């Protein structure tokens, strides 16, 4: 199945409500189990889904508290402040379904909710939750910098533990950004905090659930975005990828005769293959050295990005 994003009224964020899974989470630090998402920090953001067999990372009950999803059955969680570990942040990131166009105004929204667990962990609220776009990807070994810079950030402290709060803003793209990062990109001296827990948590930090992330050039669509699981527009798929499952070769049949780019990641976001301006109608890629895993294949052609999930045996 492919997922496309073509323009107005289209969300450029893949898997915006974290519903599409590689596997149901079974513990902490498993953001990579949400299709398209990975850890962009050297800390451990989390993935929660009602399909989880483990109570700690289920929905609505989990180790961080109790909260139903803004939509669907899943969300991610991240810390925005560690008082005992200066300037440490948890950041999640993904590759956008289309590269941003320089000079175009884009709108951003996401739903956030403060987690409070008076007994064991979370005890603070902060401001500065936001989004940063980049032309490069990040990982635990190459984490994104906390340099007091974000494209959109919330200046107010978000302390609502019952309801989802919408963060909304806009910016004009000044580069051909391909990646989105979510979190607090400001250091401790530039982050306002509020102690909200009534107990004496063992680990003291600020922790937020995140859901329904949207980036679009349509302001009304973005401001009111709520994931429904329904595609925004009919899918036009010009490519056949086979076989599935794969063994040694990935075959790509191009039925449009237009040039295309291809990127292949594994399920934890590692780049395995990239090639641009392919013009052949039948492309073969040797994958015999790849480990057994789920492959995430993105093909860009005619300003459309189509994503595929294939199994490598």
Protein backbone atom coordinates (compact mmCIF):
# COMPACT_ATOMS: atom_id res chain seq x y z
CA UNK A 1 0.00 0.00 0.00
CA UNK A 2 1.28 3.48 -0.81
CA UNK A 3 0.64 6.77 0.92
CA UNK A 4 0.95 10.00 -1.02
CA UNK A 5 1.02 13.70 -0.23
CA UNK A 6 0.40 16.08 -3.09
CA UNK A 7 -0.25 19.63 -1.89
CA UNK A 8 -3.12 21.70 -0.52
CA UNK A 9 -5.07 20.00 2.22
CA UNK A 10 -2.42 17.30 2.47
CA UNK A 11 -0.42 16.34 5.53
CA UNK A 12 3.30 16.01 4.79
CA UNK A 13 3.91 14.11 8.05
CA UNK A 14 4.04 10.31 7.67
CA UNK A 15 1.99 8.25 10.11
CA UNK A 16 0.90 11.46 11.90
CA UNK A 17 -1.00 9.70 14.69
CA UNK A 18 1.49 6.82 15.09
CA UNK A 19 -1.22 4.24 14.28
CA UNK A 20 0.78 2.35 11.64
CA UNK A 21 3.17 -0.02 13.38
CA UNK A 22 6.15 -2.22 12.61
CA UNK A 23 5.39 -4.06 15.84
CA UNK A 24 3.38 -3.23 18.92
CA UNK A 25 5.66 -1.69 21.57
CA UNK A 26 6.86 -3.98 24.33
CA UNK A 27 8.93 -1.51 26.38
CA UNK A 28 10.52 1.91 26.59
CA UNK A 29 12.46 3.62 23.81
CA UNK A 30 10.64 1.97 20.88
CA UNK A 31 9.64 4.95 18.73
CA UNK A 32 11.02 3.02 15.75
CA UNK A 33 8.01 0.69 16.02
CA UNK A 34 5.83 3.53 14.71
CA UNK A 35 6.26 3.40 10.93
CA UNK A 36 8.35 6.30 9.65
CA UNK A 37 9.48 7.59 13.06
CA UNK A 38 12.75 7.24 14.95
CA UNK A 39 14.76 8.62 17.86
CA UNK A 40 16.61 11.82 16.92
CA UNK A 41 18.20 12.24 20.38
CA UNK A 42 20.61 10.41 22.67
CA UNK A 43 17.81 9.87 25.19
CA UNK A 44 14.82 7.48 25.04
CA UNK A 45 11.45 8.80 23.76
CA UNK A 46 8.64 6.27 23.94
CA UNK A 47 5.87 4.77 21.83
CA UNK A 48 2.49 3.87 23.36
CA UNK A 49 -0.18 1.80 21.62
CA UNK A 50 -3.28 -0.01 22.91
CA UNK A 51 -2.11 -3.10 21.00
CA UNK A 52 0.85 -3.51 23.35
CA UNK A 53 0.91 -6.67 25.50
CA UNK A 54 2.81 -4.68 28.16
CA UNK A 55 0.82 -2.40 30.48
CA UNK A 56 3.73 0.05 30.77
CA UNK A 57 3.43 1.15 27.12
CA UNK A 58 -0.27 0.61 26.45
CA UNK A 59 -3.07 3.18 25.92
CA UNK A 60 -4.80 4.69 27.83
CA UNK A 61 -2.97 3.35 30.92
CA UNK A 62 0.84 3.29 30.90
CA UNK A 63 3.84 3.98 33.13
CA UNK A 64 3.57 7.75 32.58
CA UNK A 65 -0.09 8.06 33.58
CA UNK A 66 -3.53 7.79 32.01
CA UNK A 67 -4.55 9.39 28.71
CA UNK A 68 -6.67 8.32 25.76
CA UNK A 69 -5.21 9.07 22.34
CA UNK A 70 -6.22 12.32 20.65
CA UNK A 71 -7.27 10.07 17.78
CA UNK A 72 -6.88 6.37 17.15
CA UNK A 73 -5.08 4.14 19.64
CA UNK A 74 -1.51 5.39 19.84
CA UNK A 75 0.78 8.29 20.65
CA UNK A 76 4.43 9.01 21.44
CA UNK A 77 5.94 10.47 24.59
CA UNK A 78 9.04 12.53 25.34
CA UNK A 79 10.75 14.42 28.10
CA UNK A 80 11.30 18.16 27.68
CA UNK A 81 13.29 18.76 30.87
CA UNK A 82 15.55 16.77 33.23
CA UNK A 83 16.44 18.90 36.28
CA UNK A 84 19.16 16.47 37.33
CA UNK A 85 20.69 16.17 33.85
CA UNK A 86 21.28 19.62 32.32
CA UNK A 87 19.98 20.25 28.81
CA UNK A 88 19.00 16.65 28.11
CA UNK A 89 16.02 16.29 25.76
CA UNK A 90 14.06 13.51 24.06
CA UNK A 91 13.39 14.22 20.37
CA UNK A 92 11.52 12.19 17.74
CA UNK A 93 11.86 12.66 13.99
CA UNK A 94 10.76 11.49 10.56
CA UNK A 95 11.33 12.09 6.86
CA UNK A 96 8.55 14.20 5.35
CA UNK A 97 6.47 12.72 2.54
CA UNK A 98 7.58 15.61 0.33
CA UNK A 99 10.44 18.11 0.43
CA UNK A 100 9.42 21.61 1.50
CA UNK A 101 9.51 24.28 -1.21
CA UNK A 102 11.66 27.33 -0.52
CA UNK A 103 9.54 30.47 -0.17
CA UNK A 104 6.30 28.60 0.57
CA UNK A 105 4.41 29.26 3.79
CA UNK A 106 3.70 26.12 5.79
CA UNK A 107 1.53 25.55 8.82
CA UNK A 108 2.21 23.17 11.67
CA UNK A 109 0.03 21.68 14.39
CA UNK A 110 0.26 18.91 16.96
CA UNK A 111 -1.65 17.77 20.02
CA UNK A 112 0.23 17.52 23.34
CA UNK A 113 -0.76 16.46 26.84
CA UNK A 114 1.21 16.71 30.08
CA UNK A 115 1.86 13.39 31.79
CA UNK A 116 1.83 13.35 35.55
CA UNK A 117 2.80 10.37 37.69
CA UNK A 118 3.09 11.48 41.30
CA UNK A 119 4.54 8.20 42.50
CA UNK A 120 7.33 7.20 40.20
CA UNK A 121 8.39 9.77 37.65
CA UNK A 122 7.00 12.87 35.98
CA UNK A 123 6.57 16.02 38.02
CA UNK A 124 7.24 19.15 35.92
CA UNK A 125 5.56 21.16 33.15
CA UNK A 126 7.49 23.30 30.64
CA UNK A 127 7.14 25.53 27.65
CA UNK A 128 9.17 25.43 24.41
CA UNK A 129 7.64 22.30 22.88
CA UNK A 130 7.90 22.71 19.13
CA UNK A 131 9.19 21.63 15.76
CA UNK A 132 12.41 21.99 13.80
CA UNK A 133 12.93 21.10 10.15
CA UNK A 134 16.23 20.01 8.65
CA UNK A 135 17.86 18.79 5.44
CA UNK A 136 19.57 15.92 7.25
CA UNK A 137 18.44 13.09 9.50
CA UNK A 138 19.58 12.43 13.08
CA UNK A 139 19.96 9.39 15.32
CA UNK A 140 21.10 8.28 18.78
CA UNK A 141 24.71 8.29 17.53
CA UNK A 142 24.24 11.65 15.78
CA UNK A 143 21.66 13.48 17.92
CA UNK A 144 20.08 16.76 16.96
CA UNK A 145 21.57 19.77 18.74
CA UNK A 146 19.82 21.65 21.54
CA UNK A 147 20.76 25.14 20.34
CA UNK A 148 17.80 27.40 21.22
CA UNK A 149 16.45 27.26 17.69
CA UNK A 150 13.12 25.96 16.37
CA UNK A 151 10.84 26.90 13.49
CA UNK A 152 7.74 26.90 15.71
CA UNK A 153 7.68 26.73 19.50
CA UNK A 154 5.12 27.13 22.26
CA UNK A 155 6.09 29.94 24.65
CA UNK A 156 3.45 29.15 27.27
CA UNK A 157 3.90 26.41 29.88
CA UNK A 158 1.52 23.56 29.02
CA UNK A 159 0.15 22.12 32.26
CA UNK A 160 -3.16 20.53 31.17
CA UNK A 161 -3.11 16.86 32.17
CA UNK A 162 -6.75 16.15 31.25
CA UNK A 163 -7.14 17.55 27.73
CA UNK A 164 -5.05 17.62 24.61
CA UNK A 165 -3.57 21.07 23.86
CA UNK A 166 -3.04 22.13 20.23
CA UNK A 167 0.24 23.81 19.30
CA UNK A 168 -0.16 25.73 16.03
CA UNK A 169 2.05 28.06 14.00
CA UNK A 170 3.46 28.90 10.59
CA UNK A 171 6.78 29.61 8.91
CA UNK A 172 8.19 30.25 5.44
CA UNK A 173 10.58 27.55 4.27
CA UNK A 174 14.06 28.97 3.72
CA UNK A 175 15.55 25.64 2.66
CA UNK A 176 14.50 22.40 0.98
CA UNK A 177 13.77 20.67 4.27
CA UNK A 178 13.20 16.92 4.20
CA UNK A 179 13.03 16.00 7.89
CA UNK A 180 10.85 16.98 10.84
CA UNK A 181 11.87 16.87 14.52
CA UNK A 182 9.54 17.20 17.51
CA UNK A 183 10.56 18.19 21.05
CA UNK A 184 12.11 20.98 23.11
CA UNK A 185 15.16 22.43 21.34
CA UNK A 186 15.93 25.03 24.04
CA UNK A 187 18.41 24.61 26.89
CA UNK A 188 17.50 24.81 30.56
CA UNK A 189 18.28 28.54 30.86
CA UNK A 190 15.81 29.25 28.04
CA UNK A 191 13.07 26.85 29.21
CA UNK A 192 10.47 27.87 31.77
CA UNK A 193 9.39 25.14 34.20
CA UNK A 194 6.65 24.58 36.74
CA UNK A 195 6.60 21.84 39.40
CA UNK A 196 3.14 20.31 39.30
CA UNK A 197 3.34 16.92 41.04
CA UNK A 198 2.06 16.59 44.60
CA UNK A 199 4.05 13.50 45.49
CA UNK A 200 7.78 12.84 45.67
CA UNK A 201 8.65 11.13 42.37
CA UNK A 202 11.78 9.02 42.23
CA UNK A 203 12.75 10.48 38.87
CA UNK A 204 11.89 14.14 38.36
CA UNK A 205 11.33 15.38 34.83
CA UNK A 206 8.77 16.87 32.44
CA UNK A 207 7.07 14.44 30.10
CA UNK A 208 4.51 15.01 27.33
CA UNK A 209 2.37 12.76 25.18
CA UNK A 210 2.29 13.82 21.49
CA UNK A 211 -0.31 12.96 18.83
CA UNK A 212 -1.84 14.16 15.52
CA UNK A 213 1.12 15.99 13.96
CA UNK A 214 0.42 17.96 10.76
CA UNK A 215 2.43 20.04 8.28
CA UNK A 216 0.60 21.55 5.32
CA UNK A 217 0.36 24.68 3.18
CA UNK A 218 -3.37 24.80 4.01
CA UNK A 219 -3.91 26.75 7.26
CA UNK A 220 -7.47 25.60 7.99
CA UNK A 221 -6.67 21.97 7.30
CA UNK A 222 -3.66 22.13 9.63
CA UNK A 223 -5.39 24.01 12.45
CA UNK A 224 -8.23 21.48 12.52
CA UNK A 225 -6.24 18.34 11.74
CA UNK A 226 -7.44 15.17 13.39
CA UNK A 227 -6.32 11.82 12.05
CA UNK A 228 -9.18 9.70 10.72
CA UNK A 229 -7.30 6.93 8.95
CA UNK A 230 -8.82 8.01 5.63
CA UNK A 231 -6.54 9.14 2.83
CA UNK A 232 -6.85 12.82 1.93
CA UNK A 233 -6.94 12.09 -1.79
CA UNK A 234 -7.06 9.08 -4.11
CA UNK A 235 -3.79 7.21 -4.38
CA UNK A 236 -2.18 7.17 -7.81
CA UNK A 237 0.46 4.48 -7.73
CA UNK A 238 2.67 4.20 -10.81
CA UNK A 239 5.08 1.62 -9.39
CA UNK A 240 5.04 -2.11 -8.81
CA UNK A 241 7.50 -3.42 -6.22
CA UNK A 242 8.02 -7.19 -6.08
CA UNK A 243 8.34 -9.84 -4.81
CA UNK A 244 7.06 -9.41 -1.27
CA UNK A 245 8.55 -10.98 0.82
CA UNK A 246 11.96 -10.23 -0.71
CA UNK A 247 14.99 -12.49 -0.74
CA UNK A 248 17.92 -11.23 -2.85
CA UNK A 249 16.51 -8.72 -5.33
CA UNK A 250 14.03 -5.85 -5.18
CA UNK A 251 12.33 -5.28 -8.53
CA UNK A 252 10.75 -1.93 -9.34
CA UNK A 253 8.53 -1.53 -12.38
CA UNK A 254 7.92 2.07 -13.38
CA UNK A 255 4.63 2.44 -15.27
CA UNK A 256 4.78 6.23 -15.61
CA UNK A 257 7.98 6.55 -17.69
CA UNK A 258 8.96 9.53 -15.48
CA UNK A 259 12.30 9.67 -13.62
CA UNK A 260 12.18 8.93 -9.91
CA UNK A 261 14.23 8.88 -6.69
CA UNK A 262 14.29 5.99 -4.24
CA UNK A 263 15.25 5.77 -0.55
CA UNK A 264 15.27 2.59 1.52
CA UNK A 265 15.35 2.56 5.34
CA UNK A 266 15.04 -0.28 7.79
CA UNK A 267 12.43 -0.22 10.54
CA UNK A 268 14.67 1.70 12.97
CA UNK A 269 15.37 4.47 10.48
CA UNK A 270 18.82 3.48 9.20
CA UNK A 271 19.45 4.47 5.58
CA UNK A 272 20.22 1.38 3.50
CA UNK A 273 20.00 2.63 -0.08
CA UNK A 274 19.49 5.88 -1.99
CA UNK A 275 19.50 6.71 -5.70
CA UNK A 276 18.23 9.71 -7.67
CA UNK A 277 17.00 10.32 -11.21
CA UNK A 278 16.36 6.69 -12.15
CA UNK A 279 15.03 6.54 -15.71
CA UNK A 280 14.75 2.84 -16.43
CA UNK A 281 11.30 1.23 -16.46
CA UNK A 282 12.62 -1.86 -14.66
CA UNK A 283 15.08 -1.42 -11.82
CA UNK A 284 16.72 -4.22 -9.83
CA UNK A 285 18.39 -3.56 -6.48
CA UNK A 286 20.60 -6.14 -4.80
CA UNK A 287 19.43 -6.57 -1.20
CA UNK A 288 21.10 -9.93 -0.55
CA UNK A 289 23.34 -8.44 2.16
CA UNK A 290 20.44 -6.88 4.10
CA UNK A 291 19.41 -8.46 7.36
CA UNK A 292 15.95 -9.97 7.75
CA UNK A 293 13.74 -7.01 8.56
CA UNK A 294 10.94 -4.71 7.47
CA UNK A 295 12.07 -2.37 4.67
CA UNK A 296 10.53 1.08 4.27
CA UNK A 297 10.81 2.16 0.63
CA UNK A 298 10.02 5.73 -0.47
CA UNK A 299 9.73 6.62 -4.17
CA UNK A 300 9.49 10.25 -5.29
CA UNK A 301 8.26 11.02 -8.80
CA UNK A 302 6.29 13.89 -10.32
CA UNK A 303 6.22 15.71 -6.94
CA UNK A 304 4.55 12.71 -5.30
CA UNK A 305 6.08 10.46 -2.66
CA UNK A 306 4.75 6.93 -2.27
CA UNK A 307 5.78 4.77 0.68
CA UNK A 308 5.90 0.98 0.70
CA UNK A 309 6.49 -1.66 3.39
CA UNK A 310 8.29 -4.82 2.27
CA UNK A 311 9.56 -7.82 4.20
CA UNK A 312 13.15 -9.00 3.66
CA UNK A 313 13.62 -12.73 4.35
